[in-house]
């Protein structure tokens, strides 16, 4: 297992095919010089992603981490992507939903793609998180198919059945990915740096 701030992540998971853990990190905030960690993140991708990123061969991890075009290519590559987010600090699901909503809405509005359909799809995701309680160790996953199509979000917490929701709107799916994997604008710089380093190393093999 790979430990990300006390949280264990399997090095590989299998959805419709095996996906490898190619990046991990945390989301955190600093308040009065105290670092408060919220979630640990694992990014699983098909190994085949490397064939779509050949133009960045020879670039260092640092160069890739600062290059938003690289992350655009990573997100738009036609391979399956799977995000596993493990809760470190307990919060209400509604708080997480609000964060996700404003991040996705802002990104959609910036590229003029925030229409009624997107609003409805986003509202459903926010509703999905309402009323849930994110205990430490709860797991949220985002499963994004290789080609455009519905993405699936699941939530698991100790002692409860796993629940899931499908997100049919491709624009919303894309912006959720950008929230986590959006290069310099992503929510977790440590995850971005880890992905950039690992992919840089794999490309140079």
C-alpha atoms as a PDB file:
ATOM      1  CA  UNK A   1       0.000   0.000   0.000  1.00  0.00           C
ATOM      2  CA  UNK A   2       1.060   3.598  -0.593  1.00  0.00           C
ATOM      3  CA  UNK A   3       0.612   5.773   2.477  1.00  0.00           C
ATOM      4  CA  UNK A   4      -0.653   9.302   1.863  1.00  0.00           C
ATOM      5  CA  UNK A   5      -0.712  11.092   5.194  1.00  0.00           C
ATOM      6  CA  UNK A   6      -1.732   7.988   7.199  1.00  0.00           C
ATOM      7  CA  UNK A   7      -4.281   6.949   4.584  1.00  0.00           C
ATOM      8  CA  UNK A   8      -3.548   3.757   2.652  1.00  0.00           C
ATOM      9  CA  UNK A   9      -3.964   3.681  -1.128  1.00  0.00           C
ATOM     10  CA  UNK A  10      -3.605   0.506  -3.199  1.00  0.00           C
ATOM     11  CA  UNK A  11      -0.900   0.919  -5.892  1.00  0.00           C
ATOM     12  CA  UNK A  12      -3.349  -0.441  -8.453  1.00  0.00           C
ATOM     13  CA  UNK A  13      -7.104  -0.784  -8.736  1.00  0.00           C
ATOM     14  CA  UNK A  14      -9.198  -2.558 -11.326  1.00  0.00           C
ATOM     15  CA  UNK A  15     -12.323  -1.001 -12.791  1.00  0.00           C
ATOM     16  CA  UNK A  16     -13.002  -2.252 -16.309  1.00  0.00           C
ATOM     17  CA  UNK A  17      -9.186  -2.605 -16.550  1.00  0.00           C
ATOM     18  CA  UNK A  18      -6.195  -2.189 -14.224  1.00  0.00           C
ATOM     19  CA  UNK A  19      -5.371   1.426 -13.352  1.00  0.00           C
ATOM     20  CA  UNK A  20      -2.135   2.538 -11.669  1.00  0.00           C
ATOM     21  CA  UNK A  21      -1.680   5.078  -8.881  1.00  0.00           C
ATOM     22  CA  UNK A  22       0.251   7.776 -10.767  1.00  0.00           C
ATOM     23  CA  UNK A  23      -0.163  10.690  -8.369  1.00  0.00           C
ATOM     24  CA  UNK A  24      -1.195  11.432  -4.816  1.00  0.00           C
ATOM     25  CA  UNK A  25      -1.321  14.326  -2.391  1.00  0.00           C
ATOM     26  CA  UNK A  26      -3.550  16.188   0.031  1.00  0.00           C
ATOM     27  CA  UNK A  27      -5.871  19.160   0.209  1.00  0.00           C
ATOM     28  CA  UNK A  28      -5.130  21.506   3.064  1.00  0.00           C
ATOM     29  CA  UNK A  29      -5.420  25.059   4.282  1.00  0.00           C
ATOM     30  CA  UNK A  30      -3.212  27.151   6.523  1.00  0.00           C
ATOM     31  CA  UNK A  31      -4.923  29.016   9.353  1.00  0.00           C
ATOM     32  CA  UNK A  32      -2.741  31.061  11.718  1.00  0.00           C
ATOM     33  CA  UNK A  33       0.367  29.112  10.642  1.00  0.00           C
ATOM     34  CA  UNK A  34      -1.355  25.807  11.365  1.00  0.00           C
ATOM     35  CA  UNK A  35      -1.681  23.386   8.486  1.00  0.00           C
ATOM     36  CA  UNK A  36      -5.118  21.759   8.503  1.00  0.00           C
ATOM     37  CA  UNK A  37      -5.358  18.731   6.238  1.00  0.00           C
ATOM     38  CA  UNK A  38      -8.759  17.877   4.788  1.00  0.00           C
ATOM     39  CA  UNK A  39      -8.374  15.003   2.349  1.00  0.00           C
ATOM     40  CA  UNK A  40      -5.823  12.598   0.879  1.00  0.00           C
ATOM     41  CA  UNK A  41      -6.066  12.067  -2.878  1.00  0.00           C
ATOM     42  CA  UNK A  42      -4.999   9.229  -5.150  1.00  0.00           C
ATOM     43  CA  UNK A  43      -5.098   9.574  -8.946  1.00  0.00           C
ATOM     44  CA  UNK A  44      -5.391   6.321 -10.891  1.00  0.00           C
ATOM     45  CA  UNK A  45      -4.845   6.260 -14.637  1.00  0.00           C
ATOM     46  CA  UNK A  46      -4.502   3.695 -17.383  1.00  0.00           C
ATOM     47  CA  UNK A  47      -0.792   3.127 -18.107  1.00  0.00           C
ATOM     48  CA  UNK A  48      -1.724   3.818 -21.735  1.00  0.00           C
ATOM     49  CA  UNK A  49      -1.972   7.531 -20.816  1.00  0.00           C
ATOM     50  CA  UNK A  50       1.768   7.781 -21.530  1.00  0.00           C
ATOM     51  CA  UNK A  51       1.197   7.250 -25.245  1.00  0.00           C
ATOM     52  CA  UNK A  52      -0.935  10.432 -25.266  1.00  0.00           C
ATOM     53  CA  UNK A  53       1.701  12.518 -23.482  1.00  0.00           C
ATOM     54  CA  UNK A  54       4.785  11.785 -25.594  1.00  0.00           C
ATOM     55  CA  UNK A  55       5.288  15.423 -26.577  1.00  0.00           C
ATOM     56  CA  UNK A  56       6.324  16.143 -22.967  1.00  0.00           C
ATOM     57  CA  UNK A  57       9.055  13.520 -22.937  1.00  0.00           C
ATOM     58  CA  UNK A  58      12.274  14.948 -21.524  1.00  0.00           C
ATOM     59  CA  UNK A  59      10.575  17.601 -19.414  1.00  0.00           C
ATOM     60  CA  UNK A  60      11.257  17.569 -15.673  1.00  0.00           C
ATOM     61  CA  UNK A  61       8.523  17.110 -13.086  1.00  0.00           C
ATOM     62  CA  UNK A  62       8.859  20.776 -12.126  1.00  0.00           C
ATOM     63  CA  UNK A  63       8.379  21.904 -15.730  1.00  0.00           C
ATOM     64  CA  UNK A  64       5.299  19.713 -16.132  1.00  0.00           C
ATOM     65  CA  UNK A  65       3.782  20.836 -12.808  1.00  0.00           C
ATOM     66  CA  UNK A  66       3.803  24.433 -14.051  1.00  0.00           C
ATOM     67  CA  UNK A  67       2.460  23.636 -17.500  1.00  0.00           C
ATOM     68  CA  UNK A  68      -1.348  23.764 -17.630  1.00  0.00           C
ATOM     69  CA  UNK A  69      -1.325  22.510 -21.234  1.00  0.00           C
ATOM     70  CA  UNK A  70       0.175  19.257 -19.975  1.00  0.00           C
ATOM     71  CA  UNK A  71      -2.734  18.785 -17.554  1.00  0.00           C
ATOM     72  CA  UNK A  72      -5.249  19.742 -20.264  1.00  0.00           C
ATOM     73  CA  UNK A  73      -3.776  16.918 -22.369  1.00  0.00           C
ATOM     74  CA  UNK A  74      -3.869  14.538 -19.425  1.00  0.00           C
ATOM     75  CA  UNK A  75      -7.545  15.291 -18.706  1.00  0.00           C
ATOM     76  CA  UNK A  76      -8.606  15.088 -22.345  1.00  0.00           C
ATOM     77  CA  UNK A  77      -6.653  11.870 -23.091  1.00  0.00           C
ATOM     78  CA  UNK A  78      -9.125   9.089 -24.000  1.00  0.00           C
ATOM     79  CA  UNK A  79      -8.218   6.828 -21.085  1.00  0.00           C
ATOM     80  CA  UNK A  80     -10.068   5.937 -17.928  1.00  0.00           C
ATOM     81  CA  UNK A  81      -9.367   8.095 -14.861  1.00  0.00           C
ATOM     82  CA  UNK A  82     -10.243   7.335 -11.268  1.00  0.00           C
ATOM     83  CA  UNK A  83      -9.895   9.688  -8.291  1.00  0.00           C
ATOM     84  CA  UNK A  84      -9.963   8.316  -4.764  1.00  0.00           C
ATOM     85  CA  UNK A  85     -10.409  10.955  -2.072  1.00  0.00           C
ATOM     86  CA  UNK A  86     -10.109   9.909   1.585  1.00  0.00           C
ATOM     87  CA  UNK A  87     -11.332  12.217   4.341  1.00  0.00           C
ATOM     88  CA  UNK A  88      -8.703  13.250   6.922  1.00  0.00           C
ATOM     89  CA  UNK A  89     -10.661  15.976   8.717  1.00  0.00           C
ATOM     90  CA  UNK A  90     -14.357  15.410   9.429  1.00  0.00           C
ATOM     91  CA  UNK A  91     -16.714  17.801   7.662  1.00  0.00           C
ATOM     92  CA  UNK A  92     -20.341  17.820   6.604  1.00  0.00           C
ATOM     93  CA  UNK A  93     -21.088  16.563   3.128  1.00  0.00           C
ATOM     94  CA  UNK A  94     -22.907  19.824   2.450  1.00  0.00           C
ATOM     95  CA  UNK A  95     -19.657  21.779   3.037  1.00  0.00           C
ATOM     96  CA  UNK A  96     -17.801  19.592   0.556  1.00  0.00           C
ATOM     97  CA  UNK A  97     -20.697  19.941  -1.906  1.00  0.00           C
ATOM     98  CA  UNK A  98     -20.542  23.736  -1.708  1.00  0.00           C
ATOM     99  CA  UNK A  99     -16.776  23.711  -2.369  1.00  0.00           C
ATOM    100  CA  UNK A 100     -17.216  21.430  -5.349  1.00  0.00           C
ATOM    101  CA  UNK A 101     -20.136  23.469  -6.673  1.00  0.00           C
ATOM    102  CA  UNK A 102     -18.355  26.827  -6.572  1.00  0.00           C
ATOM    103  CA  UNK A 103     -15.138  25.383  -8.073  1.00  0.00           C
ATOM    104  CA  UNK A 104     -16.992  23.706 -10.947  1.00  0.00           C
ATOM    105  CA  UNK A 105     -19.375  26.623 -11.541  1.00  0.00           C
ATOM    106  CA  UNK A 106     -16.519  29.152 -11.691  1.00  0.00           C
ATOM    107  CA  UNK A 107     -14.606  27.013 -14.164  1.00  0.00           C
ATOM    108  CA  UNK A 108     -17.680  26.522 -16.375  1.00  0.00           C
ATOM    109  CA  UNK A 109     -18.557  30.219 -16.264  1.00  0.00           C
ATOM    110  CA  UNK A 110     -14.988  31.170 -17.216  1.00  0.00           C
ATOM    111  CA  UNK A 111     -15.300  29.236 -20.508  1.00  0.00           C
ATOM    112  CA  UNK A 112     -18.932  30.224 -21.027  1.00  0.00           C
ATOM    113  CA  UNK A 113     -20.317  26.700 -20.583  1.00  0.00           C
ATOM    114  CA  UNK A 114     -22.539  27.253 -17.551  1.00  0.00           C
ATOM    115  CA  UNK A 115     -26.017  26.663 -19.019  1.00  0.00           C
ATOM    116  CA  UNK A 116     -29.200  25.246 -17.539  1.00  0.00           C
ATOM    117  CA  UNK A 117     -28.134  21.637 -18.159  1.00  0.00           C
ATOM    118  CA  UNK A 118     -24.858  22.166 -16.320  1.00  0.00           C
ATOM    119  CA  UNK A 119     -26.624  23.888 -13.452  1.00  0.00           C
ATOM    120  CA  UNK A 120     -29.063  20.971 -13.081  1.00  0.00           C
ATOM    121  CA  UNK A 121     -26.297  18.351 -13.211  1.00  0.00           C
ATOM    122  CA  UNK A 122     -24.255  20.256 -10.647  1.00  0.00           C
ATOM    123  CA  UNK A 123     -27.273  20.663  -8.349  1.00  0.00           C
ATOM    124  CA  UNK A 124     -27.779  16.893  -8.382  1.00  0.00           C
ATOM    125  CA  UNK A 125     -24.170  16.353  -7.292  1.00  0.00           C
ATOM    126  CA  UNK A 126     -24.537  18.899  -4.475  1.00  0.00           C
ATOM    127  CA  UNK A 127     -27.789  17.211  -3.367  1.00  0.00           C
ATOM    128  CA  UNK A 128     -26.003  13.855  -3.372  1.00  0.00           C
ATOM    129  CA  UNK A 129     -23.588  15.147  -0.717  1.00  0.00           C
ATOM    130  CA  UNK A 130     -26.274  16.891   1.358  1.00  0.00           C
ATOM    131  CA  UNK A 131     -27.102  15.127   4.589  1.00  0.00           C
ATOM    132  CA  UNK A 132     -23.969  12.965   4.499  1.00  0.00           C
ATOM    133  CA  UNK A 133     -21.327  13.182   7.167  1.00  0.00           C
ATOM    134  CA  UNK A 134     -17.704  12.802   6.131  1.00  0.00           C
ATOM    135  CA  UNK A 135     -16.112  10.942   9.019  1.00  0.00           C
ATOM    136  CA  UNK A 136     -12.343  10.448   9.004  1.00  0.00           C
ATOM    137  CA  UNK A 137     -11.599   7.594   6.597  1.00  0.00           C
ATOM    138  CA  UNK A 138     -14.747   8.104   4.490  1.00  0.00           C
ATOM    139  CA  UNK A 139     -14.019   7.638   0.788  1.00  0.00           C
ATOM    140  CA  UNK A 140     -15.317   9.596  -2.189  1.00  0.00           C
ATOM    141  CA  UNK A 141     -14.449   8.273  -5.648  1.00  0.00           C
ATOM    142  CA  UNK A 142     -14.841   9.838  -9.083  1.00  0.00           C
ATOM    143  CA  UNK A 143     -14.759   7.383 -11.961  1.00  0.00           C
ATOM    144  CA  UNK A 144     -14.424   8.981 -15.399  1.00  0.00           C
ATOM    145  CA  UNK A 145     -14.733   6.829 -18.528  1.00  0.00           C
ATOM    146  CA  UNK A 146     -12.191   6.811 -21.354  1.00  0.00           C
ATOM    147  CA  UNK A 147     -14.563   8.391 -23.855  1.00  0.00           C
ATOM    148  CA  UNK A 148     -17.048  11.091 -22.945  1.00  0.00           C
ATOM    149  CA  UNK A 149     -19.948   9.551 -21.113  1.00  0.00           C
ATOM    150  CA  UNK A 150     -21.463   9.447 -17.642  1.00  0.00           C
ATOM    151  CA  UNK A 151     -19.061   9.618 -14.735  1.00  0.00           C
ATOM    152  CA  UNK A 152     -19.834   7.939 -11.444  1.00  0.00           C
ATOM    153  CA  UNK A 153     -19.341   9.350  -7.956  1.00  0.00           C
ATOM    154  CA  UNK A 154     -19.463   7.016  -4.963  1.00  0.00           C
ATOM    155  CA  UNK A 155     -19.386   7.699  -1.243  1.00  0.00           C
ATOM    156  CA  UNK A 156     -18.488   5.133   1.394  1.00  0.00           C
ATOM    157  CA  UNK A 157     -18.319   5.645   5.133  1.00  0.00           C
ATOM    158  CA  UNK A 158     -17.851   3.176   7.949  1.00  0.00           C
ATOM    159  CA  UNK A 159     -20.920   1.142   8.801  1.00  0.00           C
ATOM    160  CA  UNK A 160     -23.030   2.364   5.859  1.00  0.00           C
ATOM    161  CA  UNK A 161     -23.780   1.017   2.408  1.00  0.00           C
ATOM    162  CA  UNK A 162     -21.881   2.553  -0.481  1.00  0.00           C
ATOM    163  CA  UNK A 163     -24.014   5.098  -2.364  1.00  0.00           C
ATOM    164  CA  UNK A 164     -23.444   6.339  -5.895  1.00  0.00           C
ATOM    165  CA  UNK A 165     -24.663   8.853  -8.430  1.00  0.00           C
ATOM    166  CA  UNK A 166     -24.123   9.169 -12.164  1.00  0.00           C
ATOM    167  CA  UNK A 167     -23.112  12.530 -13.636  1.00  0.00           C
ATOM    168  CA  UNK A 168     -24.321  12.644 -17.232  1.00  0.00           C
ATOM    169  CA  UNK A 169     -23.137  16.147 -18.157  1.00  0.00           C
ATOM    170  CA  UNK A 170     -19.697  15.986 -19.829  1.00  0.00           C
ATOM    171  CA  UNK A 171     -18.864  19.622 -19.073  1.00  0.00           C
ATOM    172  CA  UNK A 172     -19.478  19.090 -15.355  1.00  0.00           C
ATOM    173  CA  UNK A 173     -17.423  15.866 -15.411  1.00  0.00           C
ATOM    174  CA  UNK A 174     -14.555  17.693 -17.115  1.00  0.00           C
ATOM    175  CA  UNK A 175     -14.564  20.526 -14.568  1.00  0.00           C
ATOM    176  CA  UNK A 176     -14.631  18.146 -11.591  1.00  0.00           C
ATOM    177  CA  UNK A 177     -11.482  16.603 -13.072  1.00  0.00           C
ATOM    178  CA  UNK A 178     -10.005  20.086 -13.512  1.00  0.00           C
ATOM    179  CA  UNK A 179     -10.758  20.920  -9.887  1.00  0.00           C
ATOM    180  CA  UNK A 180      -8.496  18.058  -8.844  1.00  0.00           C
ATOM    181  CA  UNK A 181      -6.129  17.837 -11.829  1.00  0.00           C
ATOM    182  CA  UNK A 182      -6.166  21.342 -13.253  1.00  0.00           C
ATOM    183  CA  UNK A 183      -2.461  22.089 -13.122  1.00  0.00           C
ATOM    184  CA  UNK A 184      -1.659  25.388 -11.419  1.00  0.00           C
ATOM    185  CA  UNK A 185      -5.372  25.938 -10.706  1.00  0.00           C
ATOM    186  CA  UNK A 186      -5.988  22.554  -9.133  1.00  0.00           C
ATOM    187  CA  UNK A 187      -7.125  22.262  -5.528  1.00  0.00           C
ATOM    188  CA  UNK A 188      -4.098  20.165  -4.476  1.00  0.00           C
ATOM    189  CA  UNK A 189      -0.602  21.366  -5.482  1.00  0.00           C
ATOM    190  CA  UNK A 190       0.945  18.276  -3.852  1.00  0.00           C
ATOM    191  CA  UNK A 191      -1.108  15.977  -6.100  1.00  0.00           C
ATOM    192  CA  UNK A 192      -0.169  17.999  -9.191  1.00  0.00           C
ATOM    193  CA  UNK A 193       3.552  17.843  -8.279  1.00  0.00           C
ATOM    194  CA  UNK A 194       3.355  14.095  -7.626  1.00  0.00           C
ATOM    195  CA  UNK A 195       1.605  13.391 -10.951  1.00  0.00           C
ATOM    196  CA  UNK A 196       4.098  15.570 -12.826  1.00  0.00           C
ATOM    197  CA  UNK A 197       7.114  13.842 -11.211  1.00  0.00           C
ATOM    198  CA  UNK A 198       5.819  10.324 -11.770  1.00  0.00           C
ATOM    199  CA  UNK A 199       4.747  10.888 -15.364  1.00  0.00           C
ATOM    200  CA  UNK A 200       8.030  12.683 -16.151  1.00  0.00           C
ATOM    201  CA  UNK A 201       9.937   9.643 -14.820  1.00  0.00           C
ATOM    202  CA  UNK A 202       7.778   7.171 -16.753  1.00  0.00           C
ATOM    203  CA  UNK A 203       8.103   9.152 -19.998  1.00  0.00           C
ATOM    204  CA  UNK A 204      11.884   9.156 -19.749  1.00  0.00           C
ATOM    205  CA  UNK A 205      12.107   5.355 -19.455  1.00  0.00           C
END
